[in-house]
C-alpha atoms as a PDB file:
ATOM      1  CA  MET A   1       0.116  -0.010  -0.104  1.00  0.00           C
ATOM      2  CA  SER A   2       1.371   3.472  -0.877  1.00  0.00           C
ATOM      3  CA  SER A   3       1.839   6.095   1.494  1.00  0.00           C
ATOM      4  CA  ARG A   4      -0.391   8.433  -0.589  1.00  0.00           C
ATOM      5  CA  SER A   5      -3.363   6.115  -0.133  1.00  0.00           C
ATOM      6  CA  THR A   6      -2.868   5.890   3.616  1.00  0.00           C
ATOM      7  CA  ILE A   7      -2.910   9.474   3.874  1.00  0.00           C
ATOM      8  CA  ALA A   8      -5.842   9.826   1.787  1.00  0.00           C
ATOM      9  CA  ARG A   9      -7.690   7.437   3.903  1.00  0.00           C
ATOM     10  CA  VAL A  10      -6.839   9.259   7.095  1.00  0.00           C
ATOM     11  CA  LEU A  11      -7.252  12.701   5.899  1.00  0.00           C
ATOM     12  CA  TRP A  12     -10.738  12.409   4.222  1.00  0.00           C
ATOM     13  CA  PRO A  13     -12.323  11.212   7.306  1.00  0.00           C
ATOM     14  CA  ALA A  14     -10.540  13.843   9.565  1.00  0.00           C
ATOM     15  CA  LEU A  15     -11.787  16.532   6.931  1.00  0.00           C
ATOM     16  CA  ALA A  16     -15.116  15.424   7.328  1.00  0.00           C
ATOM     17  CA  ILE A  17     -15.253  15.644  10.956  1.00  0.00           C
ATOM     18  CA  VAL A  18     -14.079  18.928  10.946  1.00  0.00           C
ATOM     19  CA  PHE A  19     -16.358  19.915   8.248  1.00  0.00           C
ATOM     20  CA  LEU A  20     -19.439  18.604  10.148  1.00  0.00           C
ATOM     21  CA  GLY A  21     -18.240  20.013  13.242  1.00  0.00           C
ATOM     22  CA  ALA A  22     -18.181  23.443  11.769  1.00  0.00           C
ATOM     23  CA  PHE A  23     -21.258  23.237  10.264  1.00  0.00           C
ATOM     24  CA  THR A  24     -22.973  22.081  13.303  1.00  0.00           C
ATOM     25  CA  GLY A  25     -21.601  24.389  15.422  1.00  0.00           C
ATOM     26  CA  SER A  26     -22.582  27.274  13.274  1.00  0.00           C
ATOM     27  CA  THR A  27     -26.126  26.108  13.056  1.00  0.00           C
ATOM     28  CA  ALA A  28     -26.668  25.812  16.803  1.00  0.00           C
ATOM     29  CA  GLY A  29     -25.341  29.590  17.116  1.00  0.00           C
ATOM     30  CA  THR A  30     -27.790  30.599  14.413  1.00  0.00           C
ATOM     31  CA  ASN A  31     -30.913  29.306  16.200  1.00  0.00           C
ATOM     32  CA  GLN A  32     -29.473  30.791  19.308  1.00  0.00           C
ATOM     33  CA  ASP A  33     -29.420  34.245  17.928  1.00  0.00           C
ATOM     34  CA  MET A  34     -33.050  33.902  16.265  1.00  0.00           C
ATOM     35  CA  PHE A  35     -35.891  35.890  17.702  1.00  0.00           C
ATOM     36  CA  TYR A  36     -39.565  35.943  16.430  1.00  0.00           C
ATOM     37  CA  LEU A  37     -41.536  39.100  16.260  1.00  0.00           C
ATOM     38  CA  SER A  38     -45.311  39.095  16.166  1.00  0.00           C
ATOM     39  CA  VAL A  39     -46.904  42.431  14.908  1.00  0.00           C
ATOM     40  CA  ARG A  40     -50.684  42.554  15.036  1.00  0.00           C
ATOM     41  CA  LEU A  41     -52.493  45.466  13.460  1.00  0.00           C
ATOM     42  CA  GLN A  42     -55.954  46.556  14.475  1.00  0.00           C
ATOM     43  CA  ASP A  43     -57.300  49.576  12.703  1.00  0.00           C
ATOM     44  CA  PRO A  44     -59.534  50.615   9.700  1.00  0.00           C
ATOM     45  CA  TYR A  45     -57.241  49.424   7.209  1.00  0.00           C
ATOM     46  CA  ASN A  46     -56.726  45.882   8.899  1.00  0.00           C
ATOM     47  CA  SER A  47     -59.548  44.996  11.203  1.00  0.00           C
ATOM     48  CA  ASP A  48     -57.395  42.111  12.803  1.00  0.00           C
ATOM     49  CA  LEU A  49     -53.994  41.249  10.809  1.00  0.00           C
ATOM     50  CA  GLU A  50     -51.087  39.240  12.562  1.00  0.00           C
ATOM     51  CA  THR A  51     -47.702  38.408  11.085  1.00  0.00           C
ATOM     52  CA  ARG A  52     -44.743  36.579  12.722  1.00  0.00           C
ATOM     53  CA  ILE A  53     -41.447  37.609  11.399  1.00  0.00           C
ATOM     54  CA  PRO A  54     -38.153  35.840  12.174  1.00  0.00           C
ATOM     55  CA  ILE A  55     -35.300  38.455  13.162  1.00  0.00           C
ATOM     56  CA  LYS A  56     -31.786  38.597  14.512  1.00  0.00           C
ATOM     57  CA  VAL A  57     -30.081  41.377  16.765  1.00  0.00           C
ATOM     58  CA  ASP A  58     -28.814  44.133  14.603  1.00  0.00           C
ATOM     59  CA  LYS A  59     -30.063  42.897  11.301  1.00  0.00           C
ATOM     60  CA  PRO A  60     -32.556  45.005   9.405  1.00  0.00           C
ATOM     61  CA  PHE A  61     -35.892  43.180   8.599  1.00  0.00           C
ATOM     62  CA  GLN A  62     -38.682  44.150   6.315  1.00  0.00           C
ATOM     63  CA  ILE A  63     -41.709  41.984   5.387  1.00  0.00           C
ATOM     64  CA  THR A  64     -44.655  42.888   3.154  1.00  0.00           C
ATOM     65  CA  THR A  65     -48.269  41.341   3.122  1.00  0.00           C
ATOM     66  CA  ASP A  66     -51.250  42.159   1.269  1.00  0.00           C
ATOM     67  CA  ASN A  67     -54.751  42.022   2.973  1.00  0.00           C
ATOM     68  CA  GLY A  68     -57.149  42.581   0.258  1.00  0.00           C
ATOM     69  CA  GLU A  69     -56.190  45.972  -1.500  1.00  0.00           C
ATOM     70  CA  ILE A  70     -54.224  46.801   1.465  1.00  0.00           C
ATOM     71  CA  LYS A  71     -50.324  46.420   1.304  1.00  0.00           C
ATOM     72  CA  ASN A  72     -48.770  46.191   4.574  1.00  0.00           C
ATOM     73  CA  THR A  73     -45.141  46.876   5.307  1.00  0.00           C
ATOM     74  CA  ILE A  74     -43.342  46.280   8.843  1.00  0.00           C
ATOM     75  CA  SER A  75     -39.831  47.042   8.901  1.00  0.00           C
ATOM     76  CA  GLY A  76     -37.475  47.832  11.694  1.00  0.00           C
ATOM     77  CA  ARG A  77     -34.284  46.459  13.591  1.00  0.00           C
ATOM     78  CA  LEU A  78     -33.982  44.780  16.955  1.00  0.00           C
ATOM     79  CA  HIS A  79     -30.773  45.947  18.679  1.00  0.00           C
ATOM     80  CA  ALA A  80     -28.532  44.514  21.294  1.00  0.00           C
ATOM     81  CA  PRO A  81     -30.346  44.069  24.880  1.00  0.00           C
ATOM     82  CA  SER A  82     -29.767  46.610  27.712  1.00  0.00           C
ATOM     83  CA  GLY A  83     -30.457  44.355  30.496  1.00  0.00           C
ATOM     84  CA  THR A  84     -33.638  42.404  29.854  1.00  0.00           C
ATOM     85  CA  LYS A  85     -35.102  44.996  27.377  1.00  0.00           C
ATOM     86  CA  TYR A  86     -34.189  44.758  23.850  1.00  0.00           C
ATOM     87  CA  PRO A  87     -34.605  48.157  21.908  1.00  0.00           C
ATOM     88  CA  LEU A  88     -36.564  47.778  18.626  1.00  0.00           C
ATOM     89  CA  THR A  89     -36.921  50.425  15.816  1.00  0.00           C
ATOM     90  CA  LEU A  90     -40.312  49.539  14.214  1.00  0.00           C
ATOM     91  CA  THR A  91     -42.212  50.967  11.122  1.00  0.00           C
ATOM     92  CA  VAL A  92     -45.712  49.915   9.912  1.00  0.00           C
ATOM     93  CA  SER A  93     -46.868  51.373   6.785  1.00  0.00           C
ATOM     94  CA  GLU A  94     -50.353  50.697   5.290  1.00  0.00           C
ATOM     95  CA  TRP A  95     -51.364  51.439   1.889  1.00  0.00           C
ATOM     96  CA  ILE A  96     -54.740  51.572  -0.098  1.00  0.00           C
ATOM     97  CA  SER A  97     -53.671  54.332  -2.673  1.00  0.00           C
ATOM     98  CA  GLU A  98     -51.295  57.282  -2.948  1.00  0.00           C
ATOM     99  CA  LYS A  99     -54.197  59.486  -1.038  1.00  0.00           C
ATOM    100  CA  SER A 100     -55.195  56.792   1.396  1.00  0.00           C
ATOM    101  CA  ASN A 101     -52.271  55.489   3.357  1.00  0.00           C
ATOM    102  CA  MET A 102     -50.702  55.564   6.899  1.00  0.00           C
ATOM    103  CA  SER A 103     -47.064  55.097   8.390  1.00  0.00           C
ATOM    104  CA  ASP A 104     -46.106  55.265  11.826  1.00  0.00           C
ATOM    105  CA  SER A 105     -42.795  54.382  13.605  1.00  0.00           C
ATOM    106  CA  TRP A 106     -41.744  53.671  17.397  1.00  0.00           C
ATOM    107  CA  GLU A 107     -38.617  52.964  19.563  1.00  0.00           C
ATOM    108  CA  LEU A 108     -39.831  50.385  21.625  1.00  0.00           C
ATOM    109  CA  GLN A 109     -37.873  48.762  24.367  1.00  0.00           C
ATOM    110  CA  LEU A 110     -39.301  44.886  24.564  1.00  0.00           C
ATOM    111  CA  GLU A 111     -39.105  42.235  27.100  1.00  0.00           C
ATOM    112  CA  ILE A 112     -39.164  38.781  25.845  1.00  0.00           C
ATOM    113  CA  ASP A 113     -42.859  37.286  25.779  1.00  0.00           C
ATOM    114  CA  LYS A 114     -44.453  40.611  27.053  1.00  0.00           C
ATOM    115  CA  PRO A 115     -46.755  42.292  24.662  1.00  0.00           C
ATOM    116  CA  TRP A 116     -46.510  45.911  23.907  1.00  0.00           C
ATOM    117  CA  SER A 117     -49.654  47.592  22.744  1.00  0.00           C
ATOM    118  CA  GLY A 118     -49.971  51.050  21.538  1.00  0.00           C
ATOM    119  CA  GLY A 119     -50.989  53.273  18.457  1.00  0.00           C
ATOM    120  CA  VAL A 120     -52.064  56.491  17.324  1.00  0.00           C
ATOM    121  CA  LEU A 121     -55.034  58.417  17.950  1.00  0.00           C
ATOM    122  CA  ALA A 122     -55.057  57.450  21.598  1.00  0.00           C
ATOM    123  CA  SER A 123     -54.832  54.059  20.559  1.00  0.00           C
ATOM    124  CA  PHE A 124     -58.510  53.520  19.944  1.00  0.00           C
ATOM    125  CA  VAL A 125     -58.601  53.527  16.299  1.00  0.00           C
ATOM    126  CA  TYR A 126     -55.058  52.219  15.549  1.00  0.00           C
ATOM    127  CA  GLY A 127     -54.234  49.462  17.430  1.00  0.00           C
ATOM    128  CA  ARG A 128     -50.736  47.716  17.506  1.00  0.00           C
ATOM    129  CA  THR A 129     -49.348  44.722  19.616  1.00  0.00           C
ATOM    130  CA  VAL A 130     -45.799  43.664  19.117  1.00  0.00           C
ATOM    131  CA  VAL A 131     -44.406  40.580  20.886  1.00  0.00           C
ATOM    132  CA  LEU A 132     -40.614  39.584  20.897  1.00  0.00           C
ATOM    133  CA  SER A 133     -40.191  35.885  21.428  1.00  0.00           C
ATOM    134  CA  LYS A 134     -37.403  33.047  21.295  1.00  0.00           C
ATOM    135  CA  LYS A 135     -40.308  30.650  20.588  1.00  0.00           C
ATOM    136  CA  LYS A 136     -40.810  29.619  17.027  1.00  0.00           C
ATOM    137  CA  GLU A 137     -44.735  29.357  17.253  1.00  0.00           C
ATOM    138  CA  SER A 138     -46.747  31.819  19.569  1.00  0.00           C
ATOM    139  CA  ALA A 139     -48.452  29.907  22.496  1.00  0.00           C
ATOM    140  CA  THR A 140     -51.182  32.665  22.911  1.00  0.00           C
ATOM    141  CA  LYS A 141     -52.201  35.613  20.495  1.00  0.00           C
ATOM    142  CA  PRO A 142     -50.959  38.882  21.795  1.00  0.00           C
END
C-alpha cells in the first residue's frame, strides 16, 4: 500500500469530521440568535392582521403582506439588549392608495414574551400589539 493512499484514508475522514463539526456549530449559534417578532394590526385598514417575522439582533428586517387591497410593510431593527430589554426600531406602513395610507414608527423597549400595545389617535382607532419571543410558534395570540 502506498503512503499516498494511507494519507488519503486518514485525511478524508478527518476533514469530514472538521467540516461537520463546523457546520453543526454554526447552525446551533444561528438558532440561538433567532427571535420571532409578532405584530398585530387592528385599525380601519386591517381589522385584525397578525404576522410573525423571524429576526436577528442588529440585522434589519422588512416584510410586505397584502390584505385584500391593502399593502402592509413592517420593517425595523432589533438592537442588542440592555439588561432584559431589547430596543426595537419599528415602522408599520399601510397603503390603499397614494391618497389613503398610514405610516407610524416607534422606538420600543421590549422584553421577551411581554406584549407591547399602543397606536396613534389614543390607541382607540389604530391598535398595534408587538411581542418579541424566542419561540418559533406563538403560544397565545398577543
